[in-house]
Amino acid sequence: MRAATYWPALWMGVADEVGTITPGKYADIIAVDGDVLRYISLLQDVDLVIKHGKRYK
């Protein structure tokens, strides 16, 4: 996860706004119940959606 979020944000010069789940930063997060690395189909049943720090589901 860090390789896909933190380092690119750092290299693009926006690590103070995005890249990690930290208070004060923008975050788009989805949560599922299970291991999506083993069962990619779990992404079809998302339990939680947070976009720009606001919960939508």
Protein backbone atom coordinates (compact mmCIF):
# COMPACT_ATOMS: atom_id res chain seq x y z
CA MET A 1 0.00 0.00 0.00
CA ARG A 2 2.73 2.41 0.91
CA ALA A 3 4.45 1.94 -2.45
CA ALA A 4 1.21 2.86 -4.23
CA THR A 5 0.24 5.84 -2.08
CA TYR A 6 2.92 7.44 0.09
CA TRP A 7 5.91 7.42 -2.23
CA PRO A 8 4.07 8.76 -5.30
CA ALA A 9 2.56 11.54 -3.15
CA LEU A 10 6.02 12.39 -1.84
CA TRP A 11 7.61 12.41 -5.30
CA MET A 12 4.81 14.63 -6.66
CA GLY A 13 5.23 17.08 -3.78
CA VAL A 14 1.73 16.60 -2.33
CA ALA A 15 2.55 14.38 0.67
CA ASP A 16 1.29 17.08 3.04
CA GLU A 17 -2.23 16.65 1.58
CA VAL A 18 -2.48 12.98 0.46
CA GLY A 19 -0.62 9.67 0.53
CA THR A 20 -1.31 8.41 4.05
CA ILE A 21 -4.33 8.06 6.31
CA THR A 22 -3.61 10.92 8.68
CA PRO A 23 -5.86 13.56 10.29
CA GLY A 24 -6.04 16.63 8.07
CA LYS A 25 -5.28 14.81 4.82
CA TYR A 26 -7.68 14.00 2.00
CA ALA A 27 -8.50 10.31 1.79
CA ASP A 28 -10.57 8.11 -0.47
CA ILE A 29 -11.02 4.75 1.24
CA ILE A 30 -13.10 1.66 0.62
CA ALA A 31 -13.45 -1.20 3.07
CA VAL A 32 -14.52 -4.76 2.41
CA ASP A 33 -14.93 -7.77 4.68
CA GLY A 34 -12.25 -10.23 3.61
CA ASP A 35 -8.97 -10.65 1.79
CA VAL A 36 -9.19 -9.00 -1.63
CA LEU A 37 -5.75 -10.29 -2.53
CA ARG A 38 -7.20 -13.82 -2.48
CA TYR A 39 -10.78 -13.02 -3.50
CA ILE A 40 -10.91 -10.01 -5.82
CA SER A 41 -14.67 -10.45 -6.21
CA LEU A 42 -15.08 -9.02 -2.68
CA LEU A 43 -14.71 -5.59 -4.26
CA GLN A 44 -18.23 -6.04 -5.62
CA ASP A 45 -19.62 -5.80 -2.06
CA VAL A 46 -18.09 -2.69 -0.49
CA ASP A 47 -18.94 -2.14 3.19
CA LEU A 48 -17.59 1.40 3.65
CA VAL A 49 -16.79 4.33 1.35
CA ILE A 50 -15.00 7.48 2.53
CA LYS A 51 -14.28 10.21 -0.01
CA HIS A 52 -12.38 13.36 0.97
CA GLY A 53 -12.92 12.45 4.62
CA LYS A 54 -16.70 12.18 4.33
CA ARG A 55 -18.48 8.85 4.82
CA TYR A 56 -20.87 7.91 1.99
CA LYS A 57 -21.73 4.33 2.86
